[in-house]
Amino acid sequence: MEIKEVRVPSIDIDAELCKGCVLCVTECPKGVIEMTDTINHMGYTVAKYIGEGCTGCAICFYACPEPSTIVVHKK
């Protein structure tokens, strides 16, 4: 896994591990995650980070039932 320098909080969602449960979307207090029309190799629609506004609270990480699907990058 590549380590990147983080200037603002953000998240990465692994689309191939996402099962489209929508928990990260409903639990995000800033509303910066949305569901897409993209379907992964398992046949699930996947969530994605909109691209700005994340505070790094990691609620999405803890709400997600799939280990390693969401990575939170903090300052």
PDB file of N, CA and C in Angstrom:
ATOM      1  N   MET A   1       0.836  -1.177   0.000  1.00  0.00           N
ATOM      2  CA  MET A   1       0.000   0.000   0.000  1.00  0.00           C
ATOM      3  C   MET A   1       0.882   1.241   0.000  1.00  0.00           C
ATOM      4  N   GLU A   2       0.548   2.164  -0.849  1.00  0.00           N
ATOM      5  CA  GLU A   2       1.306   3.396  -0.974  1.00  0.00           C
ATOM      6  C   GLU A   2       0.881   4.377   0.118  1.00  0.00           C
ATOM      7  N   ILE A   3       1.834   5.000   0.765  1.00  0.00           N
ATOM      8  CA  ILE A   3       1.548   6.009   1.780  1.00  0.00           C
ATOM      9  C   ILE A   3       1.605   7.369   1.101  1.00  0.00           C
ATOM     10  N   LYS A   4       0.553   8.157   1.289  1.00  0.00           N
ATOM     11  CA  LYS A   4       0.540   9.471   0.667  1.00  0.00           C
ATOM     12  C   LYS A   4       0.504  10.558   1.717  1.00  0.00           C
ATOM     13  N   GLU A   5       1.068  11.706   1.371  1.00  0.00           N
ATOM     14  CA  GLU A   5       1.038  12.858   2.265  1.00  0.00           C
ATOM     15  C   GLU A   5      -0.366  13.429   2.260  1.00  0.00           C
ATOM     16  N   VAL A   6      -0.923  13.654   3.431  1.00  0.00           N
ATOM     17  CA  VAL A   6      -2.293  14.135   3.550  1.00  0.00           C
ATOM     18  C   VAL A   6      -2.286  15.574   4.034  1.00  0.00           C
ATOM     19  N   ARG A   7      -2.905  16.433   3.257  1.00  0.00           N
ATOM     20  CA  ARG A   7      -3.011  17.844   3.644  1.00  0.00           C
ATOM     21  C   ARG A   7      -4.369  18.150   4.242  1.00  0.00           C
ATOM     22  N   VAL A   8      -5.383  17.442   3.790  1.00  0.00           N
ATOM     23  CA  VAL A   8      -6.734  17.569   4.342  1.00  0.00           C
ATOM     24  C   VAL A   8      -7.288  16.167   4.533  1.00  0.00           C
ATOM     25  N   PRO A   9      -8.180  15.965   5.475  1.00  0.00           N
ATOM     26  CA  PRO A   9      -8.749  14.637   5.676  1.00  0.00           C
ATOM     27  C   PRO A   9      -9.493  14.158   4.428  1.00  0.00           C
ATOM     28  N   SER A  10      -9.418  12.874   4.187  1.00  0.00           N
ATOM     29  CA  SER A  10     -10.124  12.276   3.055  1.00  0.00           C
ATOM     30  C   SER A  10     -10.272  10.783   3.315  1.00  0.00           C
ATOM     31  N   ILE A  11     -11.027  10.111   2.465  1.00  0.00           N
ATOM     32  CA  ILE A  11     -11.177   8.661   2.579  1.00  0.00           C
ATOM     33  C   ILE A  11     -10.987   8.009   1.225  1.00  0.00           C
ATOM     34  N   ASP A  12     -10.593   6.758   1.259  1.00  0.00           N
ATOM     35  CA  ASP A  12     -10.534   5.913   0.071  1.00  0.00           C
ATOM     36  C   ASP A  12     -11.474   4.752   0.317  1.00  0.00           C
ATOM     37  N   ILE A  13     -12.299   4.445  -0.674  1.00  0.00           N
ATOM     38  CA  ILE A  13     -13.207   3.312  -0.590  1.00  0.00           C
ATOM     39  C   ILE A  13     -12.806   2.329  -1.671  1.00  0.00           C
ATOM     40  N   ASP A  14     -12.500   1.101  -1.276  1.00  0.00           N
ATOM     41  CA  ASP A  14     -12.132   0.060  -2.228  1.00  0.00           C
ATOM     42  C   ASP A  14     -13.420  -0.483  -2.854  1.00  0.00           C
ATOM     43  N   ALA A  15     -13.687  -0.097  -4.082  1.00  0.00           N
ATOM     44  CA  ALA A  15     -14.930  -0.469  -4.760  1.00  0.00           C
ATOM     45  C   ALA A  15     -15.081  -1.976  -4.903  1.00  0.00           C
ATOM     46  N   GLU A  16     -13.997  -2.690  -4.992  1.00  0.00           N
ATOM     47  CA  GLU A  16     -14.081  -4.145  -5.165  1.00  0.00           C
ATOM     48  C   GLU A  16     -14.453  -4.865  -3.869  1.00  0.00           C
ATOM     49  N   LEU A  17     -14.280  -4.217  -2.720  1.00  0.00           N
ATOM     50  CA  LEU A  17     -14.656  -4.817  -1.445  1.00  0.00           C
ATOM     51  C   LEU A  17     -16.019  -4.334  -0.948  1.00  0.00           C
ATOM     52  N   CYS A  18     -16.502  -3.222  -1.494  1.00  0.00           N
ATOM     53  CA  CYS A  18     -17.764  -2.628  -1.056  1.00  0.00           C
ATOM     54  C   CYS A  18     -18.934  -3.536  -1.432  1.00  0.00           C
ATOM     55  N   LYS A  19     -19.843  -3.734  -0.476  1.00  0.00           N
ATOM     56  CA  LYS A  19     -21.037  -4.548  -0.727  1.00  0.00           C
ATOM     57  C   LYS A  19     -22.309  -3.709  -0.795  1.00  0.00           C
ATOM     58  N   GLY A  20     -22.159  -2.405  -0.909  1.00  0.00           N
ATOM     59  CA  GLY A  20     -23.296  -1.530  -1.140  1.00  0.00           C
ATOM     60  C   GLY A  20     -24.319  -1.486  -0.028  1.00  0.00           C
ATOM     61  N   CYS A  21     -23.905  -1.656   1.210  1.00  0.00           N
ATOM     62  CA  CYS A  21     -24.852  -1.689   2.333  1.00  0.00           C
ATOM     63  C   CYS A  21     -25.397  -0.301   2.686  1.00  0.00           C
ATOM     64  N   VAL A  22     -24.739   0.747   2.236  1.00  0.00           N
ATOM     65  CA  VAL A  22     -25.129   2.144   2.411  1.00  0.00           C
ATOM     66  C   VAL A  22     -24.897   2.676   3.833  1.00  0.00           C
ATOM     67  N   LEU A  23     -24.337   1.885   4.730  1.00  0.00           N
ATOM     68  CA  LEU A  23     -24.106   2.348   6.096  1.00  0.00           C
ATOM     69  C   LEU A  23     -23.174   3.559   6.149  1.00  0.00           C
ATOM     70  N   CYS A  24     -22.122   3.557   5.350  1.00  0.00           N
ATOM     71  CA  CYS A  24     -21.197   4.694   5.360  1.00  0.00           C
ATOM     72  C   CYS A  24     -21.894   5.965   4.887  1.00  0.00           C
ATOM     73  N   VAL A  25     -22.784   5.831   3.913  1.00  0.00           N
ATOM     74  CA  VAL A  25     -23.513   6.983   3.379  1.00  0.00           C
ATOM     75  C   VAL A  25     -24.450   7.557   4.438  1.00  0.00           C
ATOM     76  N   THR A  26     -25.207   6.700   5.092  1.00  0.00           N
ATOM     77  CA  THR A  26     -26.180   7.180   6.072  1.00  0.00           C
ATOM     78  C   THR A  26     -25.535   7.698   7.353  1.00  0.00           C
ATOM     79  N   GLU A  27     -24.371   7.182   7.709  1.00  0.00           N
ATOM     80  CA  GLU A  27     -23.714   7.586   8.960  1.00  0.00           C
ATOM     81  C   GLU A  27     -22.791   8.784   8.817  1.00  0.00           C
ATOM     82  N   CYS A  28     -22.388   9.142   7.607  1.00  0.00           N
ATOM     83  CA  CYS A  28     -21.467  10.267   7.418  1.00  0.00           C
ATOM     84  C   CYS A  28     -22.137  11.583   7.809  1.00  0.00           C
ATOM     85  N   PRO A  29     -21.613  12.262   8.850  1.00  0.00           N
ATOM     86  CA  PRO A  29     -22.247  13.506   9.303  1.00  0.00           C
ATOM     87  C   PRO A  29     -22.090  14.666   8.314  1.00  0.00           C
ATOM     88  N   LYS A  30     -21.133  14.601   7.427  1.00  0.00           N
ATOM     89  CA  LYS A  30     -20.900  15.671   6.455  1.00  0.00           C
ATOM     90  C   LYS A  30     -21.496  15.355   5.085  1.00  0.00           C
ATOM     91  N   GLY A  31     -22.005  14.153   4.886  1.00  0.00           N
ATOM     92  CA  GLY A  31     -22.628  13.790   3.615  1.00  0.00           C
ATOM     93  C   GLY A  31     -21.675  13.772   2.436  1.00  0.00           C
ATOM     94  N   VAL A  32     -20.450  13.318   2.668  1.00  0.00           N
ATOM     95  CA  VAL A  32     -19.449  13.335   1.601  1.00  0.00           C
ATOM     96  C   VAL A  32     -19.248  11.973   0.922  1.00  0.00           C
ATOM     97  N   ILE A  33     -20.152  11.041   1.192  1.00  0.00           N
ATOM     98  CA  ILE A  33     -20.103   9.728   0.552  1.00  0.00           C
ATOM     99  C   ILE A  33     -21.439   9.509  -0.141  1.00  0.00           C
ATOM    100  N   GLU A  34     -21.400   8.976  -1.351  1.00  0.00           N
ATOM    101  CA  GLU A  34     -22.628   8.712  -2.081  1.00  0.00           C
ATOM    102  C   GLU A  34     -22.551   7.361  -2.779  1.00  0.00           C
ATOM    103  N   MET A  35     -23.702   6.821  -3.087  1.00  0.00           N
ATOM    104  CA  MET A  35     -23.761   5.578  -3.842  1.00  0.00           C
ATOM    105  C   MET A  35     -23.648   5.909  -5.331  1.00  0.00           C
ATOM    106  N   THR A  36     -23.071   4.994  -6.083  1.00  0.00           N
ATOM    107  CA  THR A  36     -22.902   5.183  -7.520  1.00  0.00           C
ATOM    108  C   THR A  36     -23.725   4.146  -8.277  1.00  0.00           C
ATOM    109  N   ASP A  37     -23.706   4.244  -9.577  1.00  0.00           N
ATOM    110  CA  ASP A  37     -24.329   3.238 -10.432  1.00  0.00           C
ATOM    111  C   ASP A  37     -23.318   2.169 -10.825  1.00  0.00           C
ATOM    112  N   THR A  38     -22.072   2.342 -10.397  1.00  0.00           N
ATOM    113  CA  THR A  38     -21.011   1.391 -10.717  1.00  0.00           C
ATOM    114  C   THR A  38     -21.258   0.070 -10.003  1.00  0.00           C
ATOM    115  N   ILE A  39     -21.061  -1.021 -10.720  1.00  0.00           N
ATOM    116  CA  ILE A  39     -21.234  -2.353 -10.147  1.00  0.00           C
ATOM    117  C   ILE A  39     -19.871  -3.037 -10.108  1.00  0.00           C
ATOM    118  N   ASN A  40     -19.502  -3.558  -8.931  1.00  0.00           N
ATOM    119  CA  ASN A  40     -18.197  -4.219  -8.803  1.00  0.00           C
ATOM    120  C   ASN A  40     -18.262  -5.675  -9.270  1.00  0.00           C
ATOM    121  N   HIS A  41     -17.165  -6.390  -9.154  1.00  0.00           N
ATOM    122  CA  HIS A  41     -17.081  -7.767  -9.652  1.00  0.00           C
ATOM    123  C   HIS A  41     -18.004  -8.736  -8.914  1.00  0.00           C
ATOM    124  N   MET A  42     -18.494  -8.333  -7.735  1.00  0.00           N
ATOM    125  CA  MET A  42     -19.409  -9.187  -6.977  1.00  0.00           C
ATOM    126  C   MET A  42     -20.877  -8.874  -7.285  1.00  0.00           C
ATOM    127  N   GLY A  43     -21.110  -7.834  -8.104  1.00  0.00           N
ATOM    128  CA  GLY A  43     -22.464  -7.472  -8.486  1.00  0.00           C
ATOM    129  C   GLY A  43     -23.136  -6.442  -7.598  1.00  0.00           C
ATOM    130  N   TYR A  44     -22.356  -5.784  -6.729  1.00  0.00           N
ATOM    131  CA  TYR A  44     -22.900  -4.768  -5.830  1.00  0.00           C
ATOM    132  C   TYR A  44     -22.671  -3.370  -6.386  1.00  0.00           C
ATOM    133  N   THR A  45     -23.633  -2.463  -6.170  1.00  0.00           N
ATOM    134  CA  THR A  45     -23.367  -1.058  -6.449  1.00  0.00           C
ATOM    135  C   THR A  45     -22.483  -0.556  -5.320  1.00  0.00           C
ATOM    136  N   VAL A  46     -21.620   0.391  -5.609  1.00  0.00           N
ATOM    137  CA  VAL A  46     -20.596   0.783  -4.636  1.00  0.00           C
ATOM    138  C   VAL A  46     -20.705   2.241  -4.221  1.00  0.00           C
ATOM    139  N   ALA A  47     -20.144   2.524  -3.054  1.00  0.00           N
ATOM    140  CA  ALA A  47     -20.089   3.884  -2.528  1.00  0.00           C
ATOM    141  C   ALA A  47     -18.819   4.571  -3.015  1.00  0.00           C
ATOM    142  N   LYS A  48     -18.850   5.906  -3.032  1.00  0.00           N
ATOM    143  CA  LYS A  48     -17.638   6.665  -3.371  1.00  0.00           C
ATOM    144  C   LYS A  48     -17.587   7.948  -2.571  1.00  0.00           C
ATOM    145  N   TYR A  49     -16.373   8.425  -2.364  1.00  0.00           N
ATOM    146  CA  TYR A  49     -16.122   9.694  -1.680  1.00  0.00           C
ATOM    147  C   TYR A  49     -16.310  10.808  -2.697  1.00  0.00           C
ATOM    148  N   ILE A  50     -17.072  11.833  -2.339  1.00  0.00           N
ATOM    149  CA  ILE A  50     -17.383  12.917  -3.270  1.00  0.00           C
ATOM    150  C   ILE A  50     -16.146  13.749  -3.604  1.00  0.00           C
ATOM    151  N   GLY A  51     -15.238  13.917  -2.651  1.00  0.00           N
ATOM    152  CA  GLY A  51     -14.009  14.612  -2.974  1.00  0.00           C
ATOM    153  C   GLY A  51     -13.656  15.807  -2.127  1.00  0.00           C
ATOM    154  N   GLU A  52     -14.541  16.272  -1.270  1.00  0.00           N
ATOM    155  CA  GLU A  52     -14.178  17.348  -0.350  1.00  0.00           C
ATOM    156  C   GLU A  52     -15.168  17.410   0.796  1.00  0.00           C
ATOM    157  N   GLY A  53     -14.707  17.950   1.909  1.00  0.00           N
ATOM    158  CA  GLY A  53     -15.574  18.137   3.055  1.00  0.00           C
ATOM    159  C   GLY A  53     -15.391  17.134   4.179  1.00  0.00           C
ATOM    160  N   CYS A  54     -14.566  16.127   3.983  1.00  0.00           N
ATOM    161  CA  CYS A  54     -14.328  15.114   5.018  1.00  0.00           C
ATOM    162  C   CYS A  54     -13.599  15.755   6.203  1.00  0.00           C
ATOM    163  N   THR A  55     -14.031  15.392   7.411  1.00  0.00           N
ATOM    164  CA  THR A  55     -13.372  15.910   8.615  1.00  0.00           C
ATOM    165  C   THR A  55     -12.428  14.886   9.240  1.00  0.00           C
ATOM    166  N   GLY A  56     -12.420  13.661   8.696  1.00  0.00           N
ATOM    167  CA  GLY A  56     -11.564  12.617   9.239  1.00  0.00           C
ATOM    168  C   GLY A  56     -12.130  11.971  10.490  1.00  0.00           C
ATOM    169  N   CYS A  57     -13.431  12.070  10.719  1.00  0.00           N
ATOM    170  CA  CYS A  57     -14.042  11.540  11.942  1.00  0.00           C
ATOM    171  C   CYS A  57     -14.018  10.005  11.993  1.00  0.00           C
ATOM    172  N   ALA A  58     -13.939   9.346  10.855  1.00  0.00           N
ATOM    173  CA  ALA A  58     -13.849   7.887  10.732  1.00  0.00           C
ATOM    174  C   ALA A  58     -15.137   7.146  11.090  1.00  0.00           C
ATOM    175  N   ILE A  59     -16.253   7.842  11.172  1.00  0.00           N
ATOM    176  CA  ILE A  59     -17.521   7.160  11.438  1.00  0.00           C
ATOM    177  C   ILE A  59     -17.819   6.164  10.320  1.00  0.00           C
ATOM    178  N   CYS A  60     -17.523   6.522   9.088  1.00  0.00           N
ATOM    179  CA  CYS A  60     -17.744   5.611   7.956  1.00  0.00           C
ATOM    180  C   CYS A  60     -16.935   4.329   8.120  1.00  0.00           C
ATOM    181  N   PHE A  61     -15.704   4.463   8.568  1.00  0.00           N
ATOM    182  CA  PHE A  61     -14.831   3.308   8.787  1.00  0.00           C
ATOM    183  C   PHE A  61     -15.435   2.357   9.810  1.00  0.00           C
ATOM    184  N   TYR A  62     -15.914   2.899  10.917  1.00  0.00           N
ATOM    185  CA  TYR A  62     -16.483   2.063  11.973  1.00  0.00           C
ATOM    186  C   TYR A  62     -17.859   1.515  11.612  1.00  0.00           C
ATOM    187  N   ALA A  63     -18.604   2.219  10.766  1.00  0.00           N
ATOM    188  CA  ALA A  63     -19.930   1.747  10.349  1.00  0.00           C
ATOM    189  C   ALA A  63     -19.842   0.631   9.315  1.00  0.00           C
ATOM    190  N   CYS A  64     -18.767   0.595   8.556  1.00  0.00           N
ATOM    191  CA  CYS A  64     -18.617  -0.380   7.468  1.00  0.00           C
ATOM    192  C   CYS A  64     -18.383  -1.788   8.026  1.00  0.00           C
ATOM    193  N   PRO A  65     -19.218  -2.750   7.618  1.00  0.00           N
ATOM    194  CA  PRO A  65     -19.050  -4.123   8.114  1.00  0.00           C
ATOM    195  C   PRO A  65     -17.957  -4.917   7.388  1.00  0.00           C
ATOM    196  N   GLU A  66     -17.408  -4.360   6.336  1.00  0.00           N
ATOM    197  CA  GLU A  66     -16.378  -5.060   5.565  1.00  0.00           C
ATOM    198  C   GLU A  66     -14.985  -4.524   5.904  1.00  0.00           C
ATOM    199  N   PRO A  67     -14.148  -5.328   6.556  1.00  0.00           N
ATOM    200  CA  PRO A  67     -12.797  -4.884   6.927  1.00  0.00           C
ATOM    201  C   PRO A  67     -11.988  -4.424   5.707  1.00  0.00           C
ATOM    202  N   SER A  68     -11.267  -3.367   5.870  1.00  0.00           N
ATOM    203  CA  SER A  68     -10.345  -2.826   4.862  1.00  0.00           C
ATOM    204  C   SER A  68     -11.023  -2.167   3.668  1.00  0.00           C
ATOM    205  N   THR A  69     -12.333  -1.991   3.695  1.00  0.00           N
ATOM    206  CA  THR A  69     -13.009  -1.349   2.564  1.00  0.00           C
ATOM    207  C   THR A  69     -12.774   0.156   2.573  1.00  0.00           C
ATOM    208  N   ILE A  70     -12.791   0.763   3.747  1.00  0.00           N
ATOM    209  CA  ILE A  70     -12.632   2.210   3.864  1.00  0.00           C
ATOM    210  C   ILE A  70     -11.339   2.519   4.634  1.00  0.00           C
ATOM    211  N   VAL A  71     -10.550   3.417   4.053  1.00  0.00           N
ATOM    212  CA  VAL A  71      -9.334   3.905   4.701  1.00  0.00           C
ATOM    213  C   VAL A  71      -9.513   5.402   4.902  1.00  0.00           C
ATOM    214  N   VAL A  72      -9.314   5.853   6.128  1.00  0.00           N
ATOM    215  CA  VAL A  72      -9.447   7.272   6.459  1.00  0.00           C
ATOM    216  C   VAL A  72      -8.054   7.878   6.550  1.00  0.00           C
ATOM    217  N   HIS A  73      -7.861   8.978   5.820  1.00  0.00           N
ATOM    218  CA  HIS A  73      -6.591   9.697   5.857  1.00  0.00           C
ATOM    219  C   HIS A  73      -6.813  10.985   6.627  1.00  0.00           C
ATOM    220  N   LYS A  74      -6.033  11.148   7.706  1.00  0.00           N
ATOM    221  CA  LYS A  74      -6.121  12.361   8.521  1.00  0.00           C
ATOM    222  C   LYS A  74      -4.867  13.177   8.335  1.00  0.00           C
ATOM    223  N   LYS A  75      -4.935  14.455   8.756  1.00  0.00           N
ATOM    224  CA  LYS A  75      -3.763  15.332   8.677  1.00  0.00           C
ATOM    225  C   LYS A  75      -2.634  14.772   9.485  1.00  0.00           C
TER     226      LYS A  75
END
